[in-house]
Amino acid sequence: MKPLICTAISSKKIISFYYNGGFRTLEPFCYGVSPAGIEVLRAYPIRPVARHVMIPHAKCNMAM
């Protein structure tokens, strides 16, 4: 998954995948490892997951 995300970031492409109960369409801008050793992705949401799920401040941080 890491090469795909890194390519999407450098190419400014959107990605779609299933995560935590829903499909996500995001524009990734940062991918790395947290101080706790967990892979994390920072991305702008392109489409909402569902009407009742809101991603605050048009930015989300996801543990991979």
PDB file of N, CA and C in Angstrom:
ATOM      1  N   MET A   1       0.825  -1.200   0.000  1.00  0.00           N
ATOM      2  CA  MET A   1       0.000   0.000   0.000  1.00  0.00           C
ATOM      3  C   MET A   1       0.870   1.265   0.000  1.00  0.00           C
ATOM      4  N   LYS A   2       2.016   1.227   0.671  1.00  0.00           N
ATOM      5  CA  LYS A   2       2.855   2.414   0.775  1.00  0.00           C
ATOM      6  C   LYS A   2       3.277   2.978  -0.579  1.00  0.00           C
ATOM      7  N   PRO A   3       3.769   2.158  -1.534  1.00  0.00           N
ATOM      8  CA  PRO A   3       4.162   2.733  -2.833  1.00  0.00           C
ATOM      9  C   PRO A   3       2.996   3.408  -3.557  1.00  0.00           C
ATOM     10  N   LEU A   4       1.808   2.825  -3.461  1.00  0.00           N
ATOM     11  CA  LEU A   4       0.637   3.402  -4.111  1.00  0.00           C
ATOM     12  C   LEU A   4       0.302   4.767  -3.511  1.00  0.00           C
ATOM     13  N   ILE A   5       0.340   4.872  -2.194  1.00  0.00           N
ATOM     14  CA  ILE A   5       0.033   6.139  -1.531  1.00  0.00           C
ATOM     15  C   ILE A   5       1.095   7.181  -1.859  1.00  0.00           C
ATOM     16  N   CYS A   6       2.357   6.800  -1.821  1.00  0.00           N
ATOM     17  CA  CYS A   6       3.437   7.743  -2.142  1.00  0.00           C
ATOM     18  C   CYS A   6       3.343   8.240  -3.578  1.00  0.00           C
ATOM     19  N   THR A   7       2.985   7.355  -4.493  1.00  0.00           N
ATOM     20  CA  THR A   7       2.802   7.756  -5.891  1.00  0.00           C
ATOM     21  C   THR A   7       1.630   8.723  -6.017  1.00  0.00           C
ATOM     22  N   ALA A   8       0.539   8.442  -5.313  1.00  0.00           N
ATOM     23  CA  ALA A   8      -0.628   9.329  -5.350  1.00  0.00           C
ATOM     24  C   ALA A   8      -0.281  10.710  -4.809  1.00  0.00           C
ATOM     25  N   ILE A   9       0.508  10.767  -3.746  1.00  0.00           N
ATOM     26  CA  ILE A   9       0.909  12.056  -3.179  1.00  0.00           C
ATOM     27  C   ILE A   9       1.766  12.835  -4.170  1.00  0.00           C
ATOM     28  N   SER A  10       2.783  12.197  -4.733  1.00  0.00           N
ATOM     29  CA  SER A  10       3.676  12.910  -5.652  1.00  0.00           C
ATOM     30  C   SER A  10       2.989  13.303  -6.956  1.00  0.00           C
ATOM     31  N   SER A  11       1.969  12.532  -7.361  1.00  0.00           N
ATOM     32  CA  SER A  11       1.239  12.824  -8.598  1.00  0.00           C
ATOM     33  C   SER A  11      -0.007  13.675  -8.373  1.00  0.00           C
ATOM     34  N   LYS A  12      -0.306  13.958  -7.094  1.00  0.00           N
ATOM     35  CA  LYS A  12      -1.511  14.711  -6.722  1.00  0.00           C
ATOM     36  C   LYS A  12      -2.776  14.032  -7.249  1.00  0.00           C
ATOM     37  N   LYS A  13      -2.838  12.718  -7.051  1.00  0.00           N
ATOM     38  CA  LYS A  13      -3.995  11.914  -7.475  1.00  0.00           C
ATOM     39  C   LYS A  13      -4.858  11.578  -6.267  1.00  0.00           C
ATOM     40  N   ILE A  14      -6.128  11.289  -6.524  1.00  0.00           N
ATOM     41  CA  ILE A  14      -7.002  10.844  -5.445  1.00  0.00           C
ATOM     42  C   ILE A  14      -6.950   9.321  -5.361  1.00  0.00           C
ATOM     43  N   ILE A  15      -7.248   8.813  -4.171  1.00  0.00           N
ATOM     44  CA  ILE A  15      -7.283   7.369  -3.958  1.00  0.00           C
ATOM     45  C   ILE A  15      -8.618   7.005  -3.315  1.00  0.00           C
ATOM     46  N   SER A  16      -9.054   5.781  -3.531  1.00  0.00           N
ATOM     47  CA  SER A  16     -10.288   5.268  -2.931  1.00  0.00           C
ATOM     48  C   SER A  16      -9.988   3.913  -2.325  1.00  0.00           C
ATOM     49  N   PHE A  17     -10.537   3.667  -1.133  1.00  0.00           N
ATOM     50  CA  PHE A  17     -10.347   2.385  -0.476  1.00  0.00           C
ATOM     51  C   PHE A  17     -11.393   2.216   0.626  1.00  0.00           C
ATOM     52  N   TYR A  18     -11.519   1.002   1.109  1.00  0.00           N
ATOM     53  CA  TYR A  18     -12.448   0.686   2.192  1.00  0.00           C
ATOM     54  C   TYR A  18     -11.696   0.764   3.512  1.00  0.00           C
ATOM     55  N   TYR A  19     -12.236   1.519   4.473  1.00  0.00           N
ATOM     56  CA  TYR A  19     -11.582   1.703   5.767  1.00  0.00           C
ATOM     57  C   TYR A  19     -12.616   1.954   6.838  1.00  0.00           C
ATOM     58  N   ASN A  20     -12.547   1.213   7.923  1.00  0.00           N
ATOM     59  CA  ASN A  20     -13.359   1.469   9.109  1.00  0.00           C
ATOM     60  C   ASN A  20     -14.855   1.569   8.795  1.00  0.00           C
ATOM     61  N   GLY A  21     -15.363   0.622   8.029  1.00  0.00           N
ATOM     62  CA  GLY A  21     -16.795   0.558   7.771  1.00  0.00           C
ATOM     63  C   GLY A  21     -17.317   1.353   6.596  1.00  0.00           C
ATOM     64  N   GLY A  22     -16.459   1.934   5.784  1.00  0.00           N
ATOM     65  CA  GLY A  22     -16.955   2.699   4.642  1.00  0.00           C
ATOM     66  C   GLY A  22     -15.886   2.924   3.586  1.00  0.00           C
ATOM     67  N   PHE A  23     -16.340   3.234   2.381  1.00  0.00           N
ATOM     68  CA  PHE A  23     -15.412   3.553   1.302  1.00  0.00           C
ATOM     69  C   PHE A  23     -14.977   5.001   1.449  1.00  0.00           C
ATOM     70  N   ARG A  24     -13.715   5.257   1.241  1.00  0.00           N
ATOM     71  CA  ARG A  24     -13.151   6.594   1.346  1.00  0.00           C
ATOM     72  C   ARG A  24     -12.579   7.004  -0.004  1.00  0.00           C
ATOM     73  N   THR A  25     -12.789   8.259  -0.361  1.00  0.00           N
ATOM     74  CA  THR A  25     -12.142   8.858  -1.525  1.00  0.00           C
ATOM     75  C   THR A  25     -11.425  10.090  -0.998  1.00  0.00           C
ATOM     76  N   LEU A  26     -10.096  10.065  -1.085  1.00  0.00           N
ATOM     77  CA  LEU A  26      -9.279  11.091  -0.453  1.00  0.00           C
ATOM     78  C   LEU A  26      -8.192  11.594  -1.384  1.00  0.00           C
ATOM     79  N   GLU A  27      -7.716  12.806  -1.103  1.00  0.00           N
ATOM     80  CA  GLU A  27      -6.519  13.323  -1.753  1.00  0.00           C
ATOM     81  C   GLU A  27      -5.418  13.322  -0.690  1.00  0.00           C
ATOM     82  N   PRO A  28      -4.532  12.328  -0.728  1.00  0.00           N
ATOM     83  CA  PRO A  28      -3.501  12.237   0.307  1.00  0.00           C
ATOM     84  C   PRO A  28      -2.437  13.324   0.144  1.00  0.00           C
ATOM     85  N   PHE A  29      -1.916  13.823   1.271  1.00  0.00           N
ATOM     86  CA  PHE A  29      -0.830  14.792   1.194  1.00  0.00           C
ATOM     87  C   PHE A  29       0.326  14.462   2.123  1.00  0.00           C
ATOM     88  N   CYS A  30       0.159  13.508   3.049  1.00  0.00           N
ATOM     89  CA  CYS A  30       1.237  13.153   3.957  1.00  0.00           C
ATOM     90  C   CYS A  30       1.065  11.707   4.400  1.00  0.00           C
ATOM     91  N   TYR A  31       2.143  10.951   4.364  1.00  0.00           N
ATOM     92  CA  TYR A  31       2.121   9.549   4.771  1.00  0.00           C
ATOM     93  C   TYR A  31       3.410   9.261   5.513  1.00  0.00           C
ATOM     94  N   GLY A  32       3.301   8.620   6.669  1.00  0.00           N
ATOM     95  CA  GLY A  32       4.510   8.327   7.422  1.00  0.00           C
ATOM     96  C   GLY A  32       4.221   7.457   8.621  1.00  0.00           C
ATOM     97  N   VAL A  33       5.115   7.502   9.587  1.00  0.00           N
ATOM     98  CA  VAL A  33       5.012   6.696  10.799  1.00  0.00           C
ATOM     99  C   VAL A  33       4.941   7.638  11.992  1.00  0.00           C
ATOM    100  N   SER A  34       3.963   7.411  12.864  1.00  0.00           N
ATOM    101  CA  SER A  34       3.791   8.235  14.057  1.00  0.00           C
ATOM    102  C   SER A  34       4.876   7.909  15.085  1.00  0.00           C
ATOM    103  N   PRO A  35       5.035   8.757  16.119  1.00  0.00           N
ATOM    104  CA  PRO A  35       5.996   8.447  17.178  1.00  0.00           C
ATOM    105  C   PRO A  35       5.708   7.107  17.871  1.00  0.00           C
ATOM    106  N   ALA A  36       4.459   6.652  17.804  1.00  0.00           N
ATOM    107  CA  ALA A  36       4.086   5.364  18.400  1.00  0.00           C
ATOM    108  C   ALA A  36       4.393   4.194  17.472  1.00  0.00           C
ATOM    109  N   GLY A  37       4.911   4.486  16.275  1.00  0.00           N
ATOM    110  CA  GLY A  37       5.259   3.431  15.336  1.00  0.00           C
ATOM    111  C   GLY A  37       4.119   2.958  14.458  1.00  0.00           C
ATOM    112  N   ILE A  38       3.042   3.742  14.381  1.00  0.00           N
ATOM    113  CA  ILE A  38       1.864   3.390  13.583  1.00  0.00           C
ATOM    114  C   ILE A  38       1.923   4.147  12.263  1.00  0.00           C
ATOM    115  N   GLU A  39       1.676   3.438  11.143  1.00  0.00           N
ATOM    116  CA  GLU A  39       1.605   4.111   9.847  1.00  0.00           C
ATOM    117  C   GLU A  39       0.374   5.009   9.829  1.00  0.00           C
ATOM    118  N   VAL A  40       0.529   6.246   9.384  1.00  0.00           N
ATOM    119  CA  VAL A  40      -0.578   7.199   9.338  1.00  0.00           C
ATOM    120  C   VAL A  40      -0.640   7.879   7.978  1.00  0.00           C
ATOM    121  N   LEU A  41      -1.853   8.288   7.630  1.00  0.00           N
ATOM    122  CA  LEU A  41      -2.099   8.984   6.369  1.00  0.00           C
ATOM    123  C   LEU A  41      -2.862  10.258   6.679  1.00  0.00           C
ATOM    124  N   ARG A  42      -2.418  11.361   6.118  1.00  0.00           N
ATOM    125  CA  ARG A  42      -3.169  12.617   6.201  1.00  0.00           C
ATOM    126  C   ARG A  42      -3.670  12.914   4.804  1.00  0.00           C
ATOM    127  N   ALA A  43      -4.964  13.264   4.716  1.00  0.00           N
ATOM    128  CA  ALA A  43      -5.569  13.458   3.400  1.00  0.00           C
ATOM    129  C   ALA A  43      -6.789  14.355   3.496  1.00  0.00           C
ATOM    130  N   TYR A  44      -7.112  14.991   2.378  1.00  0.00           N
ATOM    131  CA  TYR A  44      -8.330  15.780   2.275  1.00  0.00           C
ATOM    132  C   TYR A  44      -9.440  14.875   1.750  1.00  0.00           C
ATOM    133  N   PRO A  45     -10.608  14.870   2.399  1.00  0.00           N
ATOM    134  CA  PRO A  45     -11.713  14.048   1.893  1.00  0.00           C
ATOM    135  C   PRO A  45     -12.280  14.645   0.607  1.00  0.00           C
ATOM    136  N   ILE A  46     -12.568  13.799  -0.357  1.00  0.00           N
ATOM    137  CA  ILE A  46     -13.149  14.236  -1.615  1.00  0.00           C
ATOM    138  C   ILE A  46     -14.660  14.038  -1.591  1.00  0.00           C
ATOM    139  N   ARG A  47     -15.090  12.912  -1.051  1.00  0.00           N
ATOM    140  CA  ARG A  47     -16.517  12.607  -0.921  1.00  0.00           C
ATOM    141  C   ARG A  47     -16.795  12.163   0.502  1.00  0.00           C
ATOM    142  N   PRO A  48     -17.940  12.542   1.046  1.00  0.00           N
ATOM    143  CA  PRO A  48     -18.270  12.073   2.401  1.00  0.00           C
ATOM    144  C   PRO A  48     -18.512  10.566   2.409  1.00  0.00           C
ATOM    145  N   VAL A  49     -18.246   9.945   3.545  1.00  0.00           N
ATOM    146  CA  VAL A  49     -18.446   8.502   3.698  1.00  0.00           C
ATOM    147  C   VAL A  49     -19.929   8.181   3.743  1.00  0.00           C
ATOM    148  N   ALA A  50     -20.673   8.920   4.539  1.00  0.00           N
ATOM    149  CA  ALA A  50     -22.122   8.750   4.652  1.00  0.00           C
ATOM    150  C   ALA A  50     -22.685  10.066   5.180  1.00  0.00           C
ATOM    151  N   ARG A  51     -23.978  10.239   5.063  1.00  0.00           N
ATOM    152  CA  ARG A  51     -24.590  11.499   5.511  1.00  0.00           C
ATOM    153  C   ARG A  51     -24.372  11.759   6.991  1.00  0.00           C
ATOM    154  N   HIS A  52     -24.364  10.712   7.799  1.00  0.00           N
ATOM    155  CA  HIS A  52     -24.238  10.898   9.241  1.00  0.00           C
ATOM    156  C   HIS A  52     -22.786  10.949   9.715  1.00  0.00           C
ATOM    157  N   VAL A  53     -21.829  10.766   8.819  1.00  0.00           N
ATOM    158  CA  VAL A  53     -20.412  10.814   9.194  1.00  0.00           C
ATOM    159  C   VAL A  53     -19.811  12.083   8.621  1.00  0.00           C
ATOM    160  N   MET A  54     -19.308  12.939   9.487  1.00  0.00           N
ATOM    161  CA  MET A  54     -18.690  14.178   9.031  1.00  0.00           C
ATOM    162  C   MET A  54     -17.210  14.150   9.383  1.00  0.00           C
ATOM    163  N   ILE A  55     -16.380  14.616   8.482  1.00  0.00           N
ATOM    164  CA  ILE A  55     -14.951  14.719   8.733  1.00  0.00           C
ATOM    165  C   ILE A  55     -14.669  16.191   8.989  1.00  0.00           C
ATOM    166  N   PRO A  56     -14.345  16.558  10.234  1.00  0.00           N
ATOM    167  CA  PRO A  56     -14.198  17.971  10.587  1.00  0.00           C
ATOM    168  C   PRO A  56     -13.003  18.638   9.915  1.00  0.00           C
ATOM    169  N   HIS A  57     -13.151  19.914   9.638  1.00  0.00           N
ATOM    170  CA  HIS A  57     -12.092  20.774   9.135  1.00  0.00           C
ATOM    171  C   HIS A  57     -11.520  20.337   7.790  1.00  0.00           C
ATOM    172  N   ALA A  58     -12.259  19.568   7.022  1.00  0.00           N
ATOM    173  CA  ALA A  58     -11.846  19.142   5.670  1.00  0.00           C
ATOM    174  C   ALA A  58     -10.465  18.508   5.651  1.00  0.00           C
ATOM    175  N   LYS A  59     -10.114  17.841   6.733  1.00  0.00           N
ATOM    176  CA  LYS A  59      -8.837  17.143   6.785  1.00  0.00           C
ATOM    177  C   LYS A  59      -9.014  15.946   7.708  1.00  0.00           C
ATOM    178  N   CYS A  60      -8.435  14.829   7.365  1.00  0.00           N
ATOM    179  CA  CYS A  60      -8.552  13.679   8.256  1.00  0.00           C
ATOM    180  C   CYS A  60      -7.196  13.020   8.439  1.00  0.00           C
ATOM    181  N   ASN A  61      -7.021  12.437   9.582  1.00  0.00           N
ATOM    182  CA  ASN A  61      -5.817  11.683   9.893  1.00  0.00           C
ATOM    183  C   ASN A  61      -6.248  10.249  10.139  1.00  0.00           C
ATOM    184  N   MET A  62      -5.675   9.321   9.409  1.00  0.00           N
ATOM    185  CA  MET A  62      -6.093   7.927   9.510  1.00  0.00           C
ATOM    186  C   MET A  62      -4.901   7.052   9.846  1.00  0.00           C
ATOM    187  N   ALA A  63      -5.065   6.210  10.826  1.00  0.00           N
ATOM    188  CA  ALA A  63      -4.041   5.206  11.102  1.00  0.00           C
ATOM    189  C   ALA A  63      -4.237   4.075  10.109  1.00  0.00           C
ATOM    190  N   MET A  64      -3.186   3.626   9.507  1.00  0.00           N
ATOM    191  CA  MET A  64      -3.275   2.571   8.489  1.00  0.00           C
ATOM    192  C   MET A  64      -3.107   1.215   9.129  1.00  0.00           C
TER     193      MET A  64
END
